[in-house]
Amino acid sequence: MTLHTIDASAAAADLGQFDAVIDARSPAEFAEDHLPGAVNWPVLDDDERRIVGTLFVQDSPLAARKVGAAMAARNIAAHIERWVTTLPRTWRPLVYCWRGGQRSGSLAWFLDQIGFRTHKLQGGYKGFRAVVRDDLCHLPQRFRFGVVAGRTGSGKTRLLHALSTAGAQVLDLEALACHRGSVLGGLPEVPQPTQRAFDTNLWCALRTLDPQRPVYVESESRKIGRLQLPDALVAQMHDHGFCLRVEMDDAARVELLLQDYAHFTHEPERFCELLEPLVELRGRQTVSRWQEHARAGRWADVYAQMMVEHYDPLYLRSIDRHYTGYADAPSISLVDGSPQALQQAARDVMEVCEGDGSCAKAPR
């Protein structure tokens, strides 16, 4: 049999041509990020990789290869016994490791010798990562973004979900980042992905979108939690997007914030801890007052005061700086966050922006 190699650009363009994408790296490497849809068949696990690396540095490459070869052979045998016995001869896997070297080469060689139509990814994950980073520099420029803007608690994320349900194209950056974007925005018991995993997931999402239709996205800063948005995406939203201004009265906004951050009622000290970085911006007296309300269970007071004293001024300064047409943008009024109100708003947005196209003429 002849072991085939494929470069990262060709593989990334159509991963569906393979019956399986197999990551031969260690579990820790796989957890940080991996090719979309990949499964992990580690040739060396985390401890084994550390042992081999230490031998390589402290003894010699030959000593490391001797030990590593025995470990790899046992692991590959276990993977073949577990996963391969029922697969047909026509099964076509793509195998990769970090650089497309010995780990993927060893696993791919065994699969090829069995008789499978095996491909090894040239350049490995590192080559794929280069493709993702390059694509994220130009992919966003293909799209016209409808930027859903509005003050904190005005239902922007809910409106995005309603637009998606109604059949619109939506890029939900906060869902990809597992974060709501504010100082309180971390999701309970859901960690943010690594920057590399976020980039890969964003790359996948952008590749599914139709450039001939608008893409609705929430107005975001350059960072969501600890994750950085690609400069090209931010520039496309700021400089070439059209704004949709979501309006909701303060009482309804407080109600939505109470729903979104209900988990803090069970951990007020965690809430108070998250407010500490705001002392420099808002002063100790103001932050202490918010913390006192939280510890006393006066959550509606906390959110009402934070909206007026922190979130609204901060957001409006940011939106005015990045979207000069915000004040004159089409307004979407939501009486509340009910499904009925959101469904009607989504229909109205799509009628205006995808019907007569007037949103395309909206000030930027």
Protein backbone atom coordinates (compact mmCIF):
# COMPACT_ATOMS: atom_id res chain seq x y z
CA MET A 1 0.00 0.00 0.00
CA THR A 2 1.03 3.66 -0.54
CA LEU A 3 0.55 6.05 2.36
CA HIS A 4 -0.96 9.27 1.02
CA THR A 5 -0.30 12.75 2.39
CA ILE A 6 -2.57 15.76 1.99
CA ASP A 7 -1.75 19.38 2.74
CA ALA A 8 -3.68 21.29 5.35
CA SER A 9 -5.46 23.62 2.92
CA ALA A 10 -6.82 20.75 0.83
CA ALA A 11 -7.90 18.79 3.89
CA ALA A 12 -9.55 21.79 5.56
CA ALA A 13 -11.47 22.61 2.39
CA ASP A 14 -13.34 19.29 2.60
CA LEU A 15 -12.96 17.25 5.76
CA GLY A 16 -16.09 15.38 4.72
CA GLN A 17 -14.08 13.44 2.17
CA PHE A 18 -12.75 11.30 5.04
CA ASP A 19 -14.68 8.70 7.00
CA ALA A 20 -12.79 9.64 10.17
CA VAL A 21 -10.37 12.33 11.29
CA ILE A 22 -7.98 10.84 13.85
CA ASP A 23 -5.89 12.97 16.20
CA ALA A 24 -2.82 11.00 17.32
CA ARG A 25 -1.72 13.60 19.87
CA SER A 26 -2.02 13.29 23.65
CA PRO A 27 -5.37 13.93 25.39
CA ALA A 28 -4.17 17.30 26.73
CA GLU A 29 -3.19 18.49 23.26
CA PHE A 30 -6.52 17.27 21.89
CA ALA A 31 -8.45 19.08 24.64
CA GLU A 32 -6.81 22.40 23.79
CA ASP A 33 -8.06 22.22 20.20
CA HIS A 34 -8.43 19.77 17.34
CA LEU A 35 -9.72 19.50 13.80
CA PRO A 36 -13.53 19.63 13.55
CA GLY A 37 -15.08 16.23 14.18
CA ALA A 38 -11.77 14.61 15.12
CA VAL A 39 -11.51 11.65 17.50
CA ASN A 40 -8.52 11.13 19.77
CA TRP A 41 -6.39 8.00 19.37
CA PRO A 42 -3.30 9.05 21.36
CA VAL A 43 -0.12 7.34 20.25
CA LEU A 44 1.40 8.59 23.52
CA ASP A 45 -0.71 9.70 26.46
CA ASP A 46 0.18 12.79 28.51
CA ASP A 47 2.47 10.97 30.97
CA GLU A 48 4.16 8.97 28.22
CA ARG A 49 4.78 12.09 26.19
CA ARG A 50 6.38 13.75 29.21
CA ILE A 51 8.59 10.71 29.86
CA VAL A 52 9.78 10.55 26.24
CA GLY A 53 10.41 14.28 26.14
CA THR A 54 12.44 14.17 29.33
CA LEU A 55 14.53 11.29 27.99
CA PHE A 56 15.12 13.18 24.75
CA VAL A 57 16.54 16.17 26.65
CA GLN A 58 18.31 14.49 29.55
CA ASP A 59 19.63 11.33 27.85
CA SER A 60 19.55 11.14 24.07
CA PRO A 61 17.17 11.07 21.09
CA LEU A 62 17.97 7.37 20.64
CA ALA A 63 16.98 6.49 24.21
CA ALA A 64 13.77 8.48 23.82
CA ARG A 65 12.87 6.75 20.56
CA LYS A 66 13.47 3.29 22.01
CA VAL A 67 11.12 3.90 24.93
CA GLY A 68 8.64 5.87 22.82
CA ALA A 69 8.47 3.19 20.14
CA ALA A 70 7.47 0.51 22.65
CA MET A 71 4.83 2.77 24.19
CA ALA A 72 3.48 3.78 20.78
CA ALA A 73 3.29 0.18 19.56
CA ARG A 74 1.24 -0.88 22.57
CA ASN A 75 -1.11 2.09 22.26
CA ILE A 76 -1.61 1.64 18.51
CA ALA A 77 -2.35 -2.05 19.02
CA ALA A 78 -4.98 -1.14 21.62
CA HIS A 79 -6.62 1.38 19.27
CA ILE A 80 -6.73 -1.15 16.42
CA GLU A 81 -8.27 -3.81 18.66
CA ARG A 82 -10.84 -1.38 20.03
CA TRP A 83 -11.89 0.58 16.95
CA VAL A 84 -10.80 -1.10 13.73
CA THR A 85 -11.97 -4.72 13.73
CA THR A 86 -15.43 -4.06 12.25
CA LEU A 87 -14.43 -1.39 9.70
CA PRO A 88 -14.71 -2.13 5.95
CA ARG A 89 -11.74 -2.06 3.59
CA THR A 90 -13.10 1.13 1.97
CA TRP A 91 -12.81 3.08 5.24
CA ARG A 92 -10.81 6.25 4.59
CA PRO A 93 -9.20 7.95 7.61
CA LEU A 94 -7.18 11.15 7.90
CA VAL A 95 -4.51 10.95 10.61
CA TYR A 96 -2.59 13.86 12.11
CA CYS A 97 -0.40 14.82 15.08
CA TRP A 98 1.32 18.11 15.99
CA ARG A 99 3.56 18.51 12.93
CA GLY A 100 2.65 15.46 10.88
CA GLY A 101 5.68 13.56 12.12
CA GLN A 102 6.33 10.31 13.93
CA ARG A 103 3.14 9.92 15.95
CA SER A 104 0.74 10.30 13.03
CA GLY A 105 3.23 8.55 10.75
CA SER A 106 3.32 5.46 12.97
CA LEU A 107 -0.45 5.20 13.34
CA ALA A 108 -1.09 5.94 9.66
CA TRP A 109 1.49 3.30 8.62
CA PHE A 110 -0.31 0.57 10.56
CA LEU A 111 -3.71 1.56 9.17
CA ASP A 112 -2.27 1.69 5.67
CA GLN A 113 -0.70 -1.75 6.08
CA ILE A 114 -4.05 -3.18 7.10
CA GLY A 115 -5.35 -1.98 3.74
CA PHE A 116 -7.31 1.16 4.54
CA ARG A 117 -7.15 4.20 2.26
CA THR A 118 -5.19 6.21 4.80
CA HIS A 119 -4.10 9.85 4.49
CA LYS A 120 -1.67 11.69 6.76
CA LEU A 121 -2.05 15.43 7.25
CA GLN A 122 1.05 17.20 5.99
CA GLY A 123 2.16 19.71 8.62
CA GLY A 124 -0.23 18.21 11.18
CA TYR A 125 -2.33 20.32 13.51
CA LYS A 126 0.19 23.14 13.17
CA GLY A 127 -0.51 23.31 9.45
CA PHE A 128 -4.27 23.28 10.04
CA ARG A 129 -3.92 26.04 12.63
CA ALA A 130 -2.11 28.18 10.06
CA VAL A 131 -5.03 27.70 7.64
CA VAL A 132 -7.54 28.77 10.31
CA ARG A 133 -5.56 31.87 11.25
CA ASP A 134 -5.14 32.89 7.63
CA ASP A 135 -8.82 32.32 6.81
CA LEU A 136 -9.93 34.39 9.80
CA CYS A 137 -8.01 37.32 8.30
CA HIS A 138 -10.17 37.39 5.18
CA LEU A 139 -13.32 35.24 5.65
CA PRO A 140 -15.22 37.98 7.57
CA GLN A 141 -14.80 40.35 4.63
CA ARG A 142 -17.19 38.20 2.59
CA PHE A 143 -20.19 39.05 4.78
CA ARG A 144 -22.54 41.94 5.45
CA PHE A 145 -23.17 41.96 9.20
CA GLY A 146 -26.39 43.20 10.76
CA VAL A 147 -25.16 44.32 14.18
CA VAL A 148 -27.80 43.95 16.88
CA ALA A 149 -26.98 46.74 19.32
CA GLY A 150 -28.62 47.90 22.50
CA ARG A 151 -28.03 48.50 26.18
CA THR A 152 -27.33 45.67 28.61
CA GLY A 153 -30.42 43.57 29.32
CA SER A 154 -32.36 44.75 26.28
CA GLY A 155 -32.77 41.25 24.83
CA LYS A 156 -30.12 41.28 22.11
CA THR A 157 -29.10 37.65 22.56
CA ARG A 158 -32.71 36.52 22.74
CA LEU A 159 -33.45 38.41 19.54
CA LEU A 160 -30.53 36.66 17.83
CA HIS A 161 -32.00 33.30 18.85
CA ALA A 162 -35.42 34.36 17.53
CA LEU A 163 -33.84 35.44 14.24
CA SER A 164 -32.14 32.07 13.94
CA THR A 165 -35.42 30.26 14.61
CA ALA A 166 -37.08 32.40 11.94
CA GLY A 167 -34.51 31.25 9.38
CA ALA A 168 -32.07 34.16 9.42
CA GLN A 169 -28.31 33.69 9.39
CA VAL A 170 -26.90 34.29 12.86
CA LEU A 171 -23.35 34.31 14.20
CA ASP A 172 -23.70 33.86 17.97
CA LEU A 173 -20.27 34.91 19.24
CA GLU A 174 -21.21 34.67 22.91
CA ALA A 175 -22.37 31.08 22.46
CA LEU A 176 -19.08 30.22 20.74
CA ALA A 177 -17.16 31.94 23.55
CA CYS A 178 -19.30 30.46 26.37
CA HIS A 179 -19.51 33.93 27.91
CA ARG A 180 -22.03 36.79 27.99
CA GLY A 181 -19.36 39.40 27.47
CA SER A 182 -19.59 41.42 30.69
CA VAL A 183 -17.73 41.30 34.00
CA LEU A 184 -20.51 38.99 35.21
CA GLY A 185 -20.72 37.10 31.94
CA GLY A 186 -19.08 33.77 32.75
CA LEU A 187 -21.52 30.87 32.44
CA PRO A 188 -21.97 28.78 35.60
CA GLU A 189 -19.89 25.57 35.47
CA VAL A 190 -19.12 26.11 31.77
CA PRO A 191 -15.49 27.12 31.16
CA GLN A 192 -14.56 29.19 28.16
CA PRO A 193 -12.78 27.31 25.37
CA THR A 194 -9.13 27.96 24.65
CA GLN A 195 -8.35 30.72 22.17
CA ARG A 196 -7.40 28.09 19.58
CA ALA A 197 -10.63 26.16 20.05
CA PHE A 198 -12.66 29.37 19.82
CA ASP A 199 -10.87 30.29 16.60
CA THR A 200 -11.57 26.86 15.12
CA ASN A 201 -15.26 26.98 16.08
CA LEU A 202 -15.60 30.50 14.68
CA TRP A 203 -13.87 29.37 11.46
CA CYS A 204 -16.35 26.49 11.17
CA ALA A 205 -19.31 28.82 11.75
CA LEU A 206 -18.18 31.37 9.16
CA ARG A 207 -17.68 28.66 6.54
CA THR A 208 -21.34 27.62 6.80
CA LEU A 209 -22.70 31.11 6.05
CA ASP A 210 -24.02 32.39 2.72
CA PRO A 211 -22.32 35.66 1.66
CA GLN A 212 -25.40 36.59 -0.36
CA ARG A 213 -27.51 37.04 2.78
CA PRO A 214 -26.99 39.27 5.82
CA VAL A 215 -25.50 37.75 8.95
CA TYR A 216 -26.89 38.97 12.27
CA VAL A 217 -24.42 39.34 15.12
CA GLU A 218 -24.47 41.02 18.51
CA SER A 219 -22.39 44.14 19.04
CA GLU A 220 -19.32 43.00 20.95
CA SER A 221 -16.07 44.49 22.10
CA ARG A 222 -12.78 43.08 20.85
CA LYS A 223 -12.81 40.53 23.67
CA ILE A 224 -15.51 38.23 25.04
CA GLY A 225 -14.32 37.23 28.47
CA ARG A 226 -10.68 36.30 27.94
CA LEU A 227 -11.08 35.45 24.24
CA GLN A 228 -9.98 37.77 21.44
CA LEU A 229 -12.09 38.29 18.32
CA PRO A 230 -10.23 38.37 15.00
CA ASP A 231 -9.32 41.90 13.94
CA ALA A 232 -10.86 41.32 10.51
CA LEU A 233 -14.23 40.38 12.03
CA VAL A 234 -14.26 43.41 14.34
CA ALA A 235 -13.33 45.71 11.45
CA GLN A 236 -16.03 44.26 9.20
CA MET A 237 -18.68 44.73 11.90
CA HIS A 238 -17.55 48.28 12.72
CA ASP A 239 -16.78 49.63 9.28
CA HIS A 240 -19.08 47.73 6.94
CA GLY A 241 -21.98 46.49 9.06
CA PHE A 242 -25.40 48.04 9.51
CA CYS A 243 -26.87 48.65 12.97
CA LEU A 244 -30.17 47.55 14.46
CA ARG A 245 -30.94 49.39 17.70
CA VAL A 246 -32.85 47.27 20.24
CA GLU A 247 -34.89 49.25 22.76
CA MET A 248 -36.54 48.01 25.97
CA ASP A 249 -37.68 49.93 29.05
CA ASP A 250 -35.64 49.70 32.23
CA ALA A 251 -38.10 47.58 34.22
CA ALA A 252 -38.17 44.90 31.52
CA ARG A 253 -34.37 45.02 31.25
CA VAL A 254 -34.01 44.40 34.99
CA GLU A 255 -36.33 41.41 34.66
CA LEU A 256 -34.17 39.92 31.91
CA LEU A 257 -31.01 40.45 33.97
CA LEU A 258 -32.65 38.72 36.92
CA GLN A 259 -33.31 35.74 34.65
CA ASP A 260 -29.87 35.71 33.00
CA TYR A 261 -27.96 35.98 36.27
CA ALA A 262 -30.27 33.97 38.52
CA HIS A 263 -27.38 31.65 39.45
CA PHE A 264 -25.82 34.43 41.52
CA THR A 265 -28.70 34.23 44.03
CA HIS A 266 -27.04 31.04 45.28
CA GLU A 267 -23.52 32.48 45.34
CA PRO A 268 -23.62 36.18 46.31
CA GLU A 269 -20.00 36.16 47.44
CA ARG A 270 -18.91 35.06 43.98
CA PHE A 271 -20.94 37.96 42.56
CA CYS A 272 -19.26 40.38 44.98
CA GLU A 273 -15.84 39.03 44.06
CA LEU A 274 -16.49 39.63 40.36
CA LEU A 275 -17.34 43.28 41.09
CA GLU A 276 -13.96 44.00 42.69
CA PRO A 277 -12.21 44.94 39.40
CA LEU A 278 -14.80 47.74 38.97
CA VAL A 279 -13.53 49.61 42.04
CA GLU A 280 -10.92 51.45 40.01
CA LEU A 281 -13.53 52.54 37.49
CA ARG A 282 -16.56 53.23 39.73
CA GLY A 283 -15.04 53.78 43.14
CA ARG A 284 -15.09 51.76 46.35
CA GLN A 285 -18.22 53.40 47.74
CA THR A 286 -20.34 52.57 44.69
CA VAL A 287 -19.10 49.00 44.38
CA SER A 288 -19.56 48.39 48.11
CA ARG A 289 -23.16 49.58 47.81
CA TRP A 290 -23.80 47.06 45.01
CA GLN A 291 -22.17 44.32 47.07
CA GLU A 292 -24.28 45.21 50.10
CA HIS A 293 -27.48 44.89 48.01
CA ALA A 294 -26.32 41.51 46.68
CA ARG A 295 -25.54 40.12 50.12
CA ALA A 296 -28.96 41.28 51.30
CA GLY A 297 -30.69 39.61 48.35
CA ARG A 298 -31.83 42.88 46.79
CA TRP A 299 -30.97 41.72 43.29
CA ALA A 300 -33.38 43.96 41.40
CA ASP A 301 -31.80 46.99 43.09
CA VAL A 302 -28.31 45.76 42.20
CA TYR A 303 -29.06 45.37 38.51
CA ALA A 304 -31.10 48.58 38.23
CA GLN A 305 -28.25 50.58 39.77
CA MET A 306 -25.53 48.84 37.78
CA MET A 307 -27.42 49.51 34.55
CA VAL A 308 -27.66 53.24 35.19
CA GLU A 309 -24.27 53.78 36.86
CA HIS A 310 -22.05 51.35 34.97
CA TYR A 311 -23.37 49.40 32.02
CA ASP A 312 -25.31 52.07 30.13
CA PRO A 313 -22.60 54.77 30.17
CA LEU A 314 -19.92 52.25 29.27
CA TYR A 315 -21.93 50.69 26.47
CA LEU A 316 -23.10 53.95 24.93
CA ARG A 317 -19.56 55.36 24.86
CA SER A 318 -18.36 52.20 23.15
CA ILE A 319 -21.20 52.01 20.63
CA ASP A 320 -20.87 55.71 19.71
CA ARG A 321 -17.15 55.23 19.14
CA HIS A 322 -17.47 52.17 16.92
CA TYR A 323 -20.86 52.63 15.22
CA THR A 324 -21.35 56.24 14.23
CA GLY A 325 -24.82 55.53 12.82
CA TYR A 326 -26.20 53.92 15.98
CA ALA A 327 -28.42 56.89 16.93
CA ASP A 328 -30.07 56.88 13.49
CA ALA A 329 -30.23 53.11 13.06
CA PRO A 330 -33.58 51.30 12.63
CA SER A 331 -35.13 50.79 16.06
CA ILE A 332 -36.52 47.48 17.26
CA SER A 333 -38.79 47.98 20.28
CA LEU A 334 -39.31 45.05 22.63
CA VAL A 335 -41.95 45.35 25.33
CA ASP A 336 -40.35 42.40 27.12
CA GLY A 337 -38.41 39.21 26.50
CA SER A 338 -41.44 37.00 25.85
CA PRO A 339 -41.35 34.56 22.93
CA GLN A 340 -44.23 36.39 21.25
CA ALA A 341 -42.47 39.77 21.36
CA LEU A 342 -39.20 38.27 20.12
CA GLN A 343 -40.83 36.33 17.29
CA GLN A 344 -42.61 39.46 16.05
CA ALA A 345 -39.41 41.49 16.28
CA ALA A 346 -37.50 38.85 14.31
CA ARG A 347 -40.14 38.90 11.57
CA ASP A 348 -39.98 42.70 11.44
CA VAL A 349 -36.17 42.68 11.16
CA MET A 350 -36.16 40.14 8.37
CA GLU A 351 -38.90 41.94 6.46
CA VAL A 352 -36.93 45.18 6.51
CA CYS A 353 -33.42 43.83 6.07
CA GLU A 354 -34.07 40.93 3.74
CA GLY A 355 -37.18 42.23 2.02
CA ASP A 356 -36.66 45.66 0.49
CA GLY A 357 -33.03 45.77 1.60
CA SER A 358 -33.33 49.15 3.31
CA CYS A 359 -30.99 48.09 6.10
CA ALA A 360 -28.21 47.95 3.57
CA LYS A 361 -28.66 51.71 3.21
CA ALA A 362 -28.64 52.35 6.95
CA PRO A 363 -25.99 54.77 8.26
CA ARG A 364 -22.81 53.16 9.53
